[in-house]
Amino acid sequence: MPLFNKNFYETYLAAVEREVQEEVFVEASYTDRIVAMLNDESNEVGRVHLGIVHYWILDAPKVNKREQMITQMSFMTAAELEKLWDTMETWSQLCLRQLAEMAKYK
């Protein structure tokens, strides 16, 4: 059975949607596409996790937190995020480094 046959892919997308809905309310229309896989061997967490990166384009900046553990949430430009580089987890740094490249493939 191929990894990304239609049934597996639909199951995967449903799981992604469920995970996102557990964390935030997305109150805008959006498009979503897979742009990368992350395998980061540089730290303990990365060595035991594999990430799939989704690139979302929202019609409006209408997202609110649902999860109590989220204490701060806002939309920021890439330049604003660069200023927070040292506070980011490794996966976030890797994604930010490639953000312009990911944006090319709309």
PDB file of N, CA and C in Angstrom:
ATOM      1  N   MET A   1       0.847  -1.185   0.000  1.00  0.00           N
ATOM      2  CA  MET A   1       0.000   0.000   0.000  1.00  0.00           C
ATOM      3  C   MET A   1       0.887   1.240   0.000  1.00  0.00           C
ATOM      4  N   PRO A   2       0.779   2.112  -0.970  1.00  0.00           N
ATOM      5  CA  PRO A   2       1.588   3.330  -1.028  1.00  0.00           C
ATOM      6  C   PRO A   2       1.317   4.226   0.184  1.00  0.00           C
ATOM      7  N   LEU A   3       2.378   4.914   0.630  1.00  0.00           N
ATOM      8  CA  LEU A   3       2.276   5.762   1.814  1.00  0.00           C
ATOM      9  C   LEU A   3       1.218   6.846   1.671  1.00  0.00           C
ATOM     10  N   PHE A   4       1.155   7.480   0.505  1.00  0.00           N
ATOM     11  CA  PHE A   4       0.213   8.582   0.345  1.00  0.00           C
ATOM     12  C   PHE A   4      -0.924   8.230  -0.603  1.00  0.00           C
ATOM     13  N   ASN A   5      -1.502   7.030  -0.429  1.00  0.00           N
ATOM     14  CA  ASN A   5      -2.685   6.731  -1.225  1.00  0.00           C
ATOM     15  C   ASN A   5      -3.824   7.610  -0.711  1.00  0.00           C
ATOM     16  N   LYS A   6      -4.909   7.655  -1.415  1.00  0.00           N
ATOM     17  CA  LYS A   6      -5.990   8.591  -1.083  1.00  0.00           C
ATOM     18  C   LYS A   6      -6.507   8.402   0.339  1.00  0.00           C
ATOM     19  N   ASN A   7      -6.729   7.181   0.779  1.00  0.00           N
ATOM     20  CA  ASN A   7      -7.275   6.963   2.118  1.00  0.00           C
ATOM     21  C   ASN A   7      -6.304   7.409   3.200  1.00  0.00           C
ATOM     22  N   PHE A   8      -5.019   7.084   3.042  1.00  0.00           N
ATOM     23  CA  PHE A   8      -4.029   7.504   4.036  1.00  0.00           C
ATOM     24  C   PHE A   8      -3.937   9.016   4.078  1.00  0.00           C
ATOM     25  N   TYR A   9      -3.885   9.649   2.927  1.00  0.00           N
ATOM     26  CA  TYR A   9      -3.758  11.103   2.853  1.00  0.00           C
ATOM     27  C   TYR A   9      -4.953  11.791   3.507  1.00  0.00           C
ATOM     28  N   GLU A  10      -6.156  11.314   3.242  1.00  0.00           N
ATOM     29  CA  GLU A  10      -7.353  11.891   3.862  1.00  0.00           C
ATOM     30  C   GLU A  10      -7.326  11.694   5.371  1.00  0.00           C
ATOM     31  N   THR A  11      -6.878  10.535   5.838  1.00  0.00           N
ATOM     32  CA  THR A  11      -6.763  10.268   7.271  1.00  0.00           C
ATOM     33  C   THR A  11      -5.735  11.198   7.895  1.00  0.00           C
ATOM     34  N   TYR A  12      -4.606  11.383   7.215  1.00  0.00           N
ATOM     35  CA  TYR A  12      -3.563  12.292   7.698  1.00  0.00           C
ATOM     36  C   TYR A  12      -4.105  13.723   7.816  1.00  0.00           C
ATOM     37  N   LEU A  13      -4.767  14.212   6.773  1.00  0.00           N
ATOM     38  CA  LEU A  13      -5.300  15.581   6.802  1.00  0.00           C
ATOM     39  C   LEU A  13      -6.346  15.757   7.898  1.00  0.00           C
ATOM     40  N   ALA A  14      -7.159  14.751   8.143  1.00  0.00           N
ATOM     41  CA  ALA A  14      -8.149  14.815   9.225  1.00  0.00           C
ATOM     42  C   ALA A  14      -7.435  14.906  10.579  1.00  0.00           C
ATOM     43  N   ALA A  15      -6.349  14.174  10.739  1.00  0.00           N
ATOM     44  CA  ALA A  15      -5.582  14.227  11.992  1.00  0.00           C
ATOM     45  C   ALA A  15      -4.947  15.599  12.178  1.00  0.00           C
ATOM     46  N   VAL A  16      -4.429  16.181  11.103  1.00  0.00           N
ATOM     47  CA  VAL A  16      -3.857  17.532  11.185  1.00  0.00           C
ATOM     48  C   VAL A  16      -4.931  18.532  11.594  1.00  0.00           C
ATOM     49  N   GLU A  17      -6.082  18.456  10.955  1.00  0.00           N
ATOM     50  CA  GLU A  17      -7.183  19.375  11.282  1.00  0.00           C
ATOM     51  C   GLU A  17      -7.588  19.234  12.747  1.00  0.00           C
ATOM     52  N   ARG A  18      -7.685  18.003  13.232  1.00  0.00           N
ATOM     53  CA  ARG A  18      -8.041  17.773  14.633  1.00  0.00           C
ATOM     54  C   ARG A  18      -6.995  18.384  15.571  1.00  0.00           C
ATOM     55  N   GLU A  19      -5.721  18.207  15.258  1.00  0.00           N
ATOM     56  CA  GLU A  19      -4.656  18.754  16.095  1.00  0.00           C
ATOM     57  C   GLU A  19      -4.704  20.280  16.120  1.00  0.00           C
ATOM     58  N   VAL A  20      -4.900  20.892  14.967  1.00  0.00           N
ATOM     59  CA  VAL A  20      -4.979  22.357  14.899  1.00  0.00           C
ATOM     60  C   VAL A  20      -6.174  22.845  15.708  1.00  0.00           C
ATOM     61  N   GLN A  21      -7.327  22.186  15.560  1.00  0.00           N
ATOM     62  CA  GLN A  21      -8.530  22.604  16.273  1.00  0.00           C
ATOM     63  C   GLN A  21      -8.399  22.456  17.786  1.00  0.00           C
ATOM     64  N   GLU A  22      -7.532  21.558  18.242  1.00  0.00           N
ATOM     65  CA  GLU A  22      -7.299  21.433  19.682  1.00  0.00           C
ATOM     66  C   GLU A  22      -6.555  22.649  20.229  1.00  0.00           C
ATOM     67  N   GLU A  23      -5.765  23.293  19.384  1.00  0.00           N
ATOM     68  CA  GLU A  23      -4.906  24.392  19.825  1.00  0.00           C
ATOM     69  C   GLU A  23      -5.520  25.774  19.596  1.00  0.00           C
ATOM     70  N   VAL A  24      -6.149  25.968  18.431  1.00  0.00           N
ATOM     71  CA  VAL A  24      -6.611  27.309  18.044  1.00  0.00           C
ATOM     72  C   VAL A  24      -7.962  27.253  17.332  1.00  0.00           C
ATOM     73  N   PHE A  25      -8.640  28.412  17.327  1.00  0.00           N
ATOM     74  CA  PHE A  25      -9.831  28.623  16.501  1.00  0.00           C
ATOM     75  C   PHE A  25      -9.355  29.330  15.235  1.00  0.00           C
ATOM     76  N   VAL A  26      -9.506  28.721  14.090  1.00  0.00           N
ATOM     77  CA  VAL A  26      -9.192  29.380  12.823  1.00  0.00           C
ATOM     78  C   VAL A  26     -10.510  29.880  12.272  1.00  0.00           C
ATOM     79  N   GLU A  27     -10.674  31.197  12.276  1.00  0.00           N
ATOM     80  CA  GLU A  27     -11.958  31.802  11.908  1.00  0.00           C
ATOM     81  C   GLU A  27     -11.898  32.471  10.540  1.00  0.00           C
ATOM     82  N   ALA A  28     -11.008  32.002   9.690  1.00  0.00           N
ATOM     83  CA  ALA A  28     -10.875  32.547   8.346  1.00  0.00           C
ATOM     84  C   ALA A  28     -10.737  31.384   7.366  1.00  0.00           C
ATOM     85  N   SER A  29     -11.056  31.656   6.128  1.00  0.00           N
ATOM     86  CA  SER A  29     -10.800  30.655   5.092  1.00  0.00           C
ATOM     87  C   SER A  29      -9.298  30.580   4.876  1.00  0.00           C
ATOM     88  N   TYR A  30      -8.822  29.415   4.433  1.00  0.00           N
ATOM     89  CA  TYR A  30      -7.386  29.268   4.250  1.00  0.00           C
ATOM     90  C   TYR A  30      -7.084  28.189   3.223  1.00  0.00           C
ATOM     91  N   THR A  31      -5.870  28.236   2.738  1.00  0.00           N
ATOM     92  CA  THR A  31      -5.330  27.136   1.951  1.00  0.00           C
ATOM     93  C   THR A  31      -4.164  26.561   2.753  1.00  0.00           C
ATOM     94  N   ASP A  32      -3.924  25.303   2.577  1.00  0.00           N
ATOM     95  CA  ASP A  32      -2.911  24.587   3.355  1.00  0.00           C
ATOM     96  C   ASP A  32      -2.195  23.631   2.434  1.00  0.00           C
ATOM     97  N   ARG A  33      -0.866  23.650   2.493  1.00  0.00           N
ATOM     98  CA  ARG A  33      -0.122  22.681   1.693  1.00  0.00           C
ATOM     99  C   ARG A  33       1.108  22.217   2.450  1.00  0.00           C
ATOM    100  N   ILE A  34       1.509  21.003   2.186  1.00  0.00           N
ATOM    101  CA  ILE A  34       2.706  20.433   2.793  1.00  0.00           C
ATOM    102  C   ILE A  34       3.905  20.961   2.010  1.00  0.00           C
ATOM    103  N   VAL A  35       4.904  21.502   2.746  1.00  0.00           N
ATOM    104  CA  VAL A  35       6.056  22.085   2.071  1.00  0.00           C
ATOM    105  C   VAL A  35       7.390  21.442   2.445  1.00  0.00           C
ATOM    106  N   ALA A  36       7.423  20.685   3.542  1.00  0.00           N
ATOM    107  CA  ALA A  36       8.714  20.106   3.946  1.00  0.00           C
ATOM    108  C   ALA A  36       8.522  19.027   4.995  1.00  0.00           C
ATOM    109  N   MET A  37       9.595  18.255   5.168  1.00  0.00           N
ATOM    110  CA  MET A  37       9.699  17.329   6.293  1.00  0.00           C
ATOM    111  C   MET A  37      10.911  17.762   7.096  1.00  0.00           C
ATOM    112  N   LEU A  38      10.796  17.681   8.419  1.00  0.00           N
ATOM    113  CA  LEU A  38      11.905  18.054   9.298  1.00  0.00           C
ATOM    114  C   LEU A  38      12.454  16.828  10.000  1.00  0.00           C
ATOM    115  N   ASN A  39      13.752  16.685   9.933  1.00  0.00           N
ATOM    116  CA  ASN A  39      14.460  15.658  10.682  1.00  0.00           C
ATOM    117  C   ASN A  39      15.672  16.359  11.279  1.00  0.00           C
ATOM    118  N   ASP A  40      15.595  16.704  12.550  1.00  0.00           N
ATOM    119  CA  ASP A  40      16.643  17.486  13.214  1.00  0.00           C
ATOM    120  C   ASP A  40      17.348  16.627  14.245  1.00  0.00           C
ATOM    121  N   GLU A  41      18.564  16.237  13.943  1.00  0.00           N
ATOM    122  CA  GLU A  41      19.343  15.378  14.844  1.00  0.00           C
ATOM    123  C   GLU A  41      20.176  16.202  15.835  1.00  0.00           C
ATOM    124  N   SER A  42      19.984  17.517  15.887  1.00  0.00           N
ATOM    125  CA  SER A  42      20.854  18.371  16.700  1.00  0.00           C
ATOM    126  C   SER A  42      20.500  18.387  18.182  1.00  0.00           C
ATOM    127  N   ASN A  43      19.345  17.835  18.551  1.00  0.00           N
ATOM    128  CA  ASN A  43      18.975  17.843  19.970  1.00  0.00           C
ATOM    129  C   ASN A  43      18.148  16.597  20.289  1.00  0.00           C
ATOM    130  N   GLU A  44      17.931  16.367  21.595  1.00  0.00           N
ATOM    131  CA  GLU A  44      17.222  15.150  22.030  1.00  0.00           C
ATOM    132  C   GLU A  44      15.821  15.040  21.449  1.00  0.00           C
ATOM    133  N   VAL A  45      15.085  16.127  21.465  1.00  0.00           N
ATOM    134  CA  VAL A  45      13.716  16.107  20.948  1.00  0.00           C
ATOM    135  C   VAL A  45      13.724  15.805  19.451  1.00  0.00           C
ATOM    136  N   GLY A  46      14.568  16.471  18.713  1.00  0.00           N
ATOM    137  CA  GLY A  46      14.639  16.267  17.273  1.00  0.00           C
ATOM    138  C   GLY A  46      15.045  14.872  16.873  1.00  0.00           C
ATOM    139  N   ARG A  47      15.887  14.238  17.677  1.00  0.00           N
ATOM    140  CA  ARG A  47      16.354  12.893  17.348  1.00  0.00           C
ATOM    141  C   ARG A  47      15.242  11.854  17.410  1.00  0.00           C
ATOM    142  N   VAL A  48      14.164  12.125  18.118  1.00  0.00           N
ATOM    143  CA  VAL A  48      13.088  11.140  18.248  1.00  0.00           C
ATOM    144  C   VAL A  48      11.771  11.601  17.614  1.00  0.00           C
ATOM    145  N   HIS A  49      11.809  12.705  16.852  1.00  0.00           N
ATOM    146  CA  HIS A  49      10.611  13.203  16.186  1.00  0.00           C
ATOM    147  C   HIS A  49      10.896  13.506  14.722  1.00  0.00           C
ATOM    148  N   LEU A  50       9.877  13.376  13.921  1.00  0.00           N
ATOM    149  CA  LEU A  50       9.914  13.747  12.520  1.00  0.00           C
ATOM    150  C   LEU A  50       8.783  14.738  12.317  1.00  0.00           C
ATOM    151  N   GLY A  51       9.056  15.834  11.663  1.00  0.00           N
ATOM    152  CA  GLY A  51       8.020  16.848  11.471  1.00  0.00           C
ATOM    153  C   GLY A  51       7.603  16.975  10.026  1.00  0.00           C
ATOM    154  N   ILE A  52       6.347  17.279   9.819  1.00  0.00           N
ATOM    155  CA  ILE A  52       5.824  17.602   8.494  1.00  0.00           C
ATOM    156  C   ILE A  52       5.358  19.046   8.572  1.00  0.00           C
ATOM    157  N   VAL A  53       5.892  19.877   7.699  1.00  0.00           N
ATOM    158  CA  VAL A  53       5.630  21.318   7.738  1.00  0.00           C
ATOM    159  C   VAL A  53       4.513  21.663   6.770  1.00  0.00           C
ATOM    160  N   HIS A  54       3.506  22.326   7.290  1.00  0.00           N
ATOM    161  CA  HIS A  54       2.399  22.828   6.473  1.00  0.00           C
ATOM    162  C   HIS A  54       2.531  24.344   6.356  1.00  0.00           C
ATOM    163  N   TYR A  55       2.240  24.854   5.184  1.00  0.00           N
ATOM    164  CA  TYR A  55       2.260  26.301   4.940  1.00  0.00           C
ATOM    165  C   TYR A  55       0.820  26.732   4.721  1.00  0.00           C
ATOM    166  N   TRP A  56       0.326  27.598   5.600  1.00  0.00           N
ATOM    167  CA  TRP A  56      -1.055  28.059   5.530  1.00  0.00           C
ATOM    168  C   TRP A  56      -1.100  29.486   5.011  1.00  0.00           C
ATOM    169  N   ILE A  57      -2.057  29.761   4.156  1.00  0.00           N
ATOM    170  CA  ILE A  57      -2.346  31.126   3.726  1.00  0.00           C
ATOM    171  C   ILE A  57      -3.780  31.409   4.143  1.00  0.00           C
ATOM    172  N   LEU A  58      -3.942  32.358   5.049  1.00  0.00           N
ATOM    173  CA  LEU A  58      -5.260  32.724   5.560  1.00  0.00           C
ATOM    174  C   LEU A  58      -5.809  33.916   4.806  1.00  0.00           C
ATOM    175  N   ASP A  59      -7.125  33.940   4.605  1.00  0.00           N
ATOM    176  CA  ASP A  59      -7.777  35.073   3.953  1.00  0.00           C
ATOM    177  C   ASP A  59      -7.818  36.301   4.858  1.00  0.00           C
ATOM    178  N   ALA A  60      -7.722  36.079   6.166  1.00  0.00           N
ATOM    179  CA  ALA A  60      -7.725  37.171   7.144  1.00  0.00           C
ATOM    180  C   ALA A  60      -6.996  36.680   8.396  1.00  0.00           C
ATOM    181  N   PRO A  61      -6.411  37.582   9.161  1.00  0.00           N
ATOM    182  CA  PRO A  61      -5.685  37.177  10.379  1.00  0.00           C
ATOM    183  C   PRO A  61      -6.642  36.920  11.546  1.00  0.00           C
ATOM    184  N   LYS A  62      -7.476  35.917  11.389  1.00  0.00           N
ATOM    185  CA  LYS A  62      -8.500  35.615  12.389  1.00  0.00           C
ATOM    186  C   LYS A  62      -8.249  34.240  12.997  1.00  0.00           C
ATOM    187  N   VAL A  63      -7.338  34.202  13.973  1.00  0.00           N
ATOM    188  CA  VAL A  63      -7.014  32.979  14.687  1.00  0.00           C
ATOM    189  C   VAL A  63      -6.937  33.327  16.167  1.00  0.00           C
ATOM    190  N   ASN A  64      -7.597  32.544  16.991  1.00  0.00           N
ATOM    191  CA  ASN A  64      -7.584  32.783  18.431  1.00  0.00           C
ATOM    192  C   ASN A  64      -7.195  31.502  19.153  1.00  0.00           C
ATOM    193  N   LYS A  65      -6.608  31.679  20.312  1.00  0.00           N
ATOM    194  CA  LYS A  65      -6.150  30.506  21.061  1.00  0.00           C
ATOM    195  C   LYS A  65      -7.327  29.736  21.642  1.00  0.00           C
ATOM    196  N   ARG A  66      -7.161  28.450  21.687  1.00  0.00           N
ATOM    197  CA  ARG A  66      -8.133  27.563  22.304  1.00  0.00           C
ATOM    198  C   ARG A  66      -7.476  26.874  23.505  1.00  0.00           C
ATOM    199  N   GLU A  67      -6.210  26.567  23.374  1.00  0.00           N
ATOM    200  CA  GLU A  67      -5.448  25.849  24.395  1.00  0.00           C
ATOM    201  C   GLU A  67      -4.991  26.809  25.487  1.00  0.00           C
ATOM    202  N   GLN A  68      -5.235  26.459  26.747  1.00  0.00           N
ATOM    203  CA  GLN A  68      -4.856  27.314  27.864  1.00  0.00           C
ATOM    204  C   GLN A  68      -3.362  27.554  27.953  1.00  0.00           C
ATOM    205  N   MET A  69      -2.569  26.592  27.520  1.00  0.00           N
ATOM    206  CA  MET A  69      -1.116  26.726  27.619  1.00  0.00           C
ATOM    207  C   MET A  69      -0.562  27.796  26.684  1.00  0.00           C
ATOM    208  N   ILE A  70      -1.339  28.203  25.703  1.00  0.00           N
ATOM    209  CA  ILE A  70      -0.901  29.288  24.816  1.00  0.00           C
ATOM    210  C   ILE A  70      -1.124  30.592  25.574  1.00  0.00           C
ATOM    211  N   THR A  71      -0.033  31.253  25.911  1.00  0.00           N
ATOM    212  CA  THR A  71      -0.151  32.483  26.706  1.00  0.00           C
ATOM    213  C   THR A  71      -0.083  33.738  25.854  1.00  0.00           C
ATOM    214  N   GLN A  72       0.622  33.661  24.750  1.00  0.00           N
ATOM    215  CA  GLN A  72       0.734  34.805  23.855  1.00  0.00           C
ATOM    216  C   GLN A  72       0.553  34.318  22.426  1.00  0.00           C
ATOM    217  N   MET A  73      -0.151  35.104  21.649  1.00  0.00           N
ATOM    218  CA  MET A  73      -0.367  34.712  20.266  1.00  0.00           C
ATOM    219  C   MET A  73      -0.568  35.969  19.447  1.00  0.00           C
ATOM    220  N   SER A  74       0.180  36.088  18.349  1.00  0.00           N
ATOM    221  CA  SER A  74      -0.001  37.226  17.450  1.00  0.00           C
ATOM    222  C   SER A  74       0.609  36.893  16.099  1.00  0.00           C
ATOM    223  N   PHE A  75       0.188  37.631  15.091  1.00  0.00           N
ATOM    224  CA  PHE A  75       0.780  37.499  13.774  1.00  0.00           C
ATOM    225  C   PHE A  75       1.986  38.425  13.728  1.00  0.00           C
ATOM    226  N   MET A  76       3.072  37.937  13.164  1.00  0.00           N
ATOM    227  CA  MET A  76       4.297  38.716  13.092  1.00  0.00           C
ATOM    228  C   MET A  76       4.915  38.578  11.708  1.00  0.00           C
ATOM    229  N   THR A  77       5.674  39.589  11.329  1.00  0.00           N
ATOM    230  CA  THR A  77       6.407  39.527  10.070  1.00  0.00           C
ATOM    231  C   THR A  77       7.656  38.665  10.276  1.00  0.00           C
ATOM    232  N   ALA A  78       8.267  38.264   9.178  1.00  0.00           N
ATOM    233  CA  ALA A  78       9.506  37.491   9.269  1.00  0.00           C
ATOM    234  C   ALA A  78      10.584  38.305   9.997  1.00  0.00           C
ATOM    235  N   ALA A  79      10.643  39.604   9.744  1.00  0.00           N
ATOM    236  CA  ALA A  79      11.636  40.458  10.413  1.00  0.00           C
ATOM    237  C   ALA A  79      11.401  40.494  11.921  1.00  0.00           C
ATOM    238  N   GLU A  80      10.147  40.560  12.331  1.00  0.00           N
ATOM    239  CA  GLU A  80       9.834  40.542  13.769  1.00  0.00           C
ATOM    240  C   GLU A  80      10.218  39.199  14.391  1.00  0.00           C
ATOM    241  N   LEU A  81       9.975  38.118  13.663  1.00  0.00           N
ATOM    242  CA  LEU A  81      10.329  36.793  14.162  1.00  0.00           C
ATOM    243  C   LEU A  81      11.843  36.631  14.278  1.00  0.00           C
ATOM    244  N   GLU A  82      12.590  37.190  13.329  1.00  0.00           N
ATOM    245  CA  GLU A  82      14.054  37.120  13.380  1.00  0.00           C
ATOM    246  C   GLU A  82      14.592  37.689  14.695  1.00  0.00           C
ATOM    247  N   LYS A  83      13.944  38.720  15.204  1.00  0.00           N
ATOM    248  CA  LYS A  83      14.380  39.335  16.470  1.00  0.00           C
ATOM    249  C   LYS A  83      14.184  38.395  17.653  1.00  0.00           C
ATOM    250  N   LEU A  84      13.329  37.388  17.496  1.00  0.00           N
ATOM    251  CA  LEU A  84      13.053  36.424  18.563  1.00  0.00           C
ATOM    252  C   LEU A  84      13.812  35.112  18.370  1.00  0.00           C
ATOM    253  N   TRP A  85      14.729  35.083  17.424  1.00  0.00           N
ATOM    254  CA  TRP A  85      15.440  33.871  17.026  1.00  0.00           C
ATOM    255  C   TRP A  85      15.942  33.066  18.212  1.00  0.00           C
ATOM    256  N   ASP A  86      16.602  33.724  19.157  1.00  0.00           N
ATOM    257  CA  ASP A  86      17.217  33.017  20.285  1.00  0.00           C
ATOM    258  C   ASP A  86      16.204  32.399  21.240  1.00  0.00           C
ATOM    259  N   THR A  87      14.957  32.787  21.152  1.00  0.00           N
ATOM    260  CA  THR A  87      13.919  32.234  22.028  1.00  0.00           C
ATOM    261  C   THR A  87      13.144  31.096  21.367  1.00  0.00           C
ATOM    262  N   MET A  88      13.418  30.846  20.101  1.00  0.00           N
ATOM    263  CA  MET A  88      12.655  29.849  19.330  1.00  0.00           C
ATOM    264  C   MET A  88      13.202  28.443  19.510  1.00  0.00           C
ATOM    265  N   GLU A  89      12.299  27.471  19.390  1.00  0.00           N
ATOM    266  CA  GLU A  89      12.711  26.076  19.318  1.00  0.00           C
ATOM    267  C   GLU A  89      13.407  25.859  17.977  1.00  0.00           C
ATOM    268  N   THR A  90      14.225  24.827  17.903  1.00  0.00           N
ATOM    269  CA  THR A  90      15.000  24.552  16.696  1.00  0.00           C
ATOM    270  C   THR A  90      14.112  24.412  15.458  1.00  0.00           C
ATOM    271  N   TRP A  91      13.005  23.690  15.568  1.00  0.00           N
ATOM    272  CA  TRP A  91      12.134  23.500  14.399  1.00  0.00           C
ATOM    273  C   TRP A  91      11.594  24.830  13.899  1.00  0.00           C
ATOM    274  N   SER A  92      11.243  25.724  14.805  1.00  0.00           N
ATOM    275  CA  SER A  92      10.761  27.045  14.396  1.00  0.00           C
ATOM    276  C   SER A  92      11.860  27.821  13.686  1.00  0.00           C
ATOM    277  N   GLN A  93      13.088  27.717  14.181  1.00  0.00           N
ATOM    278  CA  GLN A  93      14.214  28.381  13.519  1.00  0.00           C
ATOM    279  C   GLN A  93      14.416  27.832  12.106  1.00  0.00           C
ATOM    280  N   LEU A  94      14.354  26.516  11.961  1.00  0.00           N
ATOM    281  CA  LEU A  94      14.519  25.905  10.644  1.00  0.00           C
ATOM    282  C   LEU A  94      13.430  26.373   9.676  1.00  0.00           C
ATOM    283  N   CYS A  95      12.210  26.455  10.157  1.00  0.00           N
ATOM    284  CA  CYS A  95      11.099  26.905   9.305  1.00  0.00           C
ATOM    285  C   CYS A  95      11.260  28.371   8.938  1.00  0.00           C
ATOM    286  N   LEU A  96      11.637  29.202   9.903  1.00  0.00           N
ATOM    287  CA  LEU A  96      11.813  30.628   9.623  1.00  0.00           C
ATOM    288  C   LEU A  96      12.920  30.833   8.596  1.00  0.00           C
ATOM    289  N   ARG A  97      13.989  30.076   8.712  1.00  0.00           N
ATOM    290  CA  ARG A  97      15.112  30.186   7.774  1.00  0.00           C
ATOM    291  C   ARG A  97      14.646  29.904   6.344  1.00  0.00           C
ATOM    292  N   GLN A  98      13.648  29.046   6.166  1.00  0.00           N
ATOM    293  CA  GLN A  98      13.171  28.644   4.835  1.00  0.00           C
ATOM    294  C   GLN A  98      11.831  29.290   4.455  1.00  0.00           C
ATOM    295  N   LEU A  99      11.342  30.219   5.257  1.00  0.00           N
ATOM    296  CA  LEU A  99      10.009  30.792   5.037  1.00  0.00           C
ATOM    297  C   LEU A  99       9.855  31.422   3.658  1.00  0.00           C
ATOM    298  N   ALA A 100      10.837  32.202   3.228  1.00  0.00           N
ATOM    299  CA  ALA A 100      10.728  32.837   1.919  1.00  0.00           C
ATOM    300  C   ALA A 100      10.665  31.804   0.808  1.00  0.00           C
ATOM    301  N   GLU A 101      11.412  30.741   0.943  1.00  0.00           N
ATOM    302  CA  GLU A 101      11.398  29.667  -0.052  1.00  0.00           C
ATOM    303  C   GLU A 101      10.033  28.967  -0.066  1.00  0.00           C
ATOM    304  N   MET A 102       9.476  28.717   1.123  1.00  0.00           N
ATOM    305  CA  MET A 102       8.165  28.064   1.211  1.00  0.00           C
ATOM    306  C   MET A 102       7.077  28.929   0.582  1.00  0.00           C
ATOM    307  N   ALA A 103       7.197  30.244   0.729  1.00  0.00           N
ATOM    308  CA  ALA A 103       6.180  31.173   0.222  1.00  0.00           C
ATOM    309  C   ALA A 103       6.141  31.215  -1.297  1.00  0.00           C
ATOM    310  N   LYS A 104       7.218  30.814  -1.949  1.00  0.00           N
ATOM    311  CA  LYS A 104       7.274  30.864  -3.420  1.00  0.00           C
ATOM    312  C   LYS A 104       6.283  29.925  -4.070  1.00  0.00           C
ATOM    313  N   TYR A 105       5.935  28.850  -3.397  1.00  0.00           N
ATOM    314  CA  TYR A 105       5.138  27.793  -4.012  1.00  0.00           C
ATOM    315  C   TYR A 105       3.690  27.857  -3.564  1.00  0.00           C
ATOM    316  N   LYS A 106       3.018  28.931  -3.903  1.00  0.00           N
ATOM    317  CA  LYS A 106       1.638  29.149  -3.482  1.00  0.00           C
ATOM    318  C   LYS A 106       0.700  28.310  -4.257  1.00  0.00           C
TER     319      LYS A 106
END
